[in-house]
């Protein structure tokens, strides 16, 4: 997996990047991720001040999430929760489609 982390008005520190990487790799256990593009932004004159955008390039449809909060950690956790929800939802739909097709073939 290729991981791109972009910092805008935020100082890049190893602990922050390692924390972000850990969460993204955890998502990779649920779905294959070829590339992860993460943008961490601090908007100085806005409230809430922190914005996180995540774009996961995967086989099939890509997964996107964007969130804002008063702390960078909270904004990132919200974005990861959105990603997890999308990944789980897509997996559930796929299983339902497979079950439905199996039942239809079996009923013939």
Protein backbone atom coordinates (compact mmCIF):
# COMPACT_ATOMS: atom_id res chain seq x y z
CA UNK A 1 0.00 0.00 0.00
CA UNK A 2 1.18 3.47 -0.85
CA UNK A 3 0.46 6.04 1.87
CA UNK A 4 0.47 9.79 1.12
CA UNK A 5 -0.06 12.15 4.05
CA UNK A 6 -0.35 15.84 3.30
CA UNK A 7 -0.11 18.42 6.11
CA UNK A 8 -1.48 21.94 5.62
CA UNK A 9 -0.82 24.40 8.46
CA UNK A 10 0.09 21.42 10.66
CA UNK A 11 3.60 20.44 11.57
CA UNK A 12 4.45 16.91 10.49
CA UNK A 13 5.71 14.86 13.41
CA UNK A 14 6.64 11.18 13.42
CA UNK A 15 4.17 10.28 16.19
CA UNK A 16 1.24 11.81 14.26
CA UNK A 17 2.22 10.11 11.01
CA UNK A 18 2.68 6.75 12.77
CA UNK A 19 -0.75 7.08 14.41
CA UNK A 20 -2.40 7.86 11.05
CA UNK A 21 -0.54 4.98 9.39
CA UNK A 22 -1.63 2.56 12.13
CA UNK A 23 -5.32 3.40 11.62
CA UNK A 24 -5.14 3.15 7.83
CA UNK A 25 -3.33 -0.20 7.93
CA UNK A 26 -6.02 -1.46 10.34
CA UNK A 27 -8.63 -0.66 7.66
CA UNK A 28 -6.52 -2.61 5.18
CA UNK A 29 -7.39 -5.83 7.00
CA UNK A 30 -11.04 -5.39 5.98
CA UNK A 31 -10.47 -4.34 2.37
CA UNK A 32 -7.49 -4.27 0.04
CA UNK A 33 -6.13 -0.73 -0.17
CA UNK A 34 -3.74 0.06 -3.02
CA UNK A 35 -3.20 3.71 -2.14
CA UNK A 36 -4.27 6.00 0.71
CA UNK A 37 -4.28 9.78 0.24
CA UNK A 38 -4.77 11.65 3.50
CA UNK A 39 -5.00 15.39 3.89
CA UNK A 40 -4.73 16.96 7.37
CA UNK A 41 -5.67 20.65 7.42
CA UNK A 42 -5.76 23.30 10.11
CA UNK A 43 -8.04 26.19 9.13
CA UNK A 44 -6.86 29.09 11.29
CA UNK A 45 -9.92 31.35 11.14
CA UNK A 46 -12.59 28.62 11.11
CA UNK A 47 -14.40 26.72 13.78
CA UNK A 48 -13.97 23.77 14.02
CA UNK A 49 -10.40 24.31 12.98
CA UNK A 50 -9.32 20.84 11.83
CA UNK A 51 -10.34 19.08 8.63
CA UNK A 52 -9.40 15.59 7.49
CA UNK A 53 -9.93 14.18 3.99
CA UNK A 54 -9.19 10.56 3.13
CA UNK A 55 -9.29 8.88 -0.28
CA UNK A 56 -8.65 5.15 -0.39
CA UNK A 57 -7.89 3.67 -3.80
CA UNK A 58 -9.22 0.11 -3.80
CA UNK A 59 -10.12 -2.55 -6.34
CA UNK A 60 -13.65 -1.63 -7.34
CA UNK A 61 -15.11 1.67 -6.14
CA UNK A 62 -12.80 3.96 -4.17
CA UNK A 63 -13.70 4.97 -0.62
CA UNK A 64 -13.85 8.63 0.49
CA UNK A 65 -14.35 10.34 3.84
CA UNK A 66 -14.15 13.91 5.09
CA UNK A 67 -14.70 15.31 8.56
CA UNK A 68 -14.10 18.37 10.71
CA UNK A 69 -13.71 18.80 14.45
CA UNK A 70 -12.06 20.94 17.10
CA UNK A 71 -9.08 18.59 17.43
CA UNK A 72 -7.13 16.79 14.73
CA UNK A 73 -7.46 13.47 16.53
CA UNK A 74 -11.27 13.76 16.74
CA UNK A 75 -11.57 14.77 13.08
CA UNK A 76 -9.41 11.83 11.99
CA UNK A 77 -11.33 9.35 14.14
CA UNK A 78 -14.60 10.58 12.58
CA UNK A 79 -13.16 10.07 9.10
CA UNK A 80 -11.95 6.55 9.95
CA UNK A 81 -15.42 5.72 11.32
CA UNK A 82 -16.97 6.86 8.02
CA UNK A 83 -14.50 4.71 6.08
CA UNK A 84 -15.19 1.69 8.27
CA UNK A 85 -18.95 2.17 7.78
CA UNK A 86 -18.59 2.34 3.99
CA UNK A 87 -16.34 -0.71 3.84
CA UNK A 88 -18.69 -2.73 6.07
CA UNK A 89 -21.75 -1.61 4.12
CA UNK A 90 -20.23 -2.64 0.79
CA UNK A 91 -19.17 -6.02 2.15
CA UNK A 92 -22.67 -6.63 3.53
CA UNK A 93 -24.31 -5.69 0.22
CA UNK A 94 -21.98 -8.04 -1.62
CA UNK A 95 -22.81 -10.95 0.70
CA UNK A 96 -26.55 -10.28 0.34
CA UNK A 97 -26.22 -10.25 -3.43
CA UNK A 98 -24.33 -13.57 -3.38
CA UNK A 99 -26.92 -15.16 -1.08
CA UNK A 100 -29.77 -13.88 -3.23
CA UNK A 101 -28.19 -15.27 -6.40
CA UNK A 102 -27.51 -18.60 -4.71
CA UNK A 103 -31.13 -18.89 -3.54
CA UNK A 104 -32.44 -17.97 -6.98
CA UNK A 105 -30.32 -20.67 -8.65
CA UNK A 106 -31.23 -23.23 -6.06
CA UNK A 107 -34.95 -22.54 -6.48
CA UNK A 108 -34.92 -23.29 -10.22
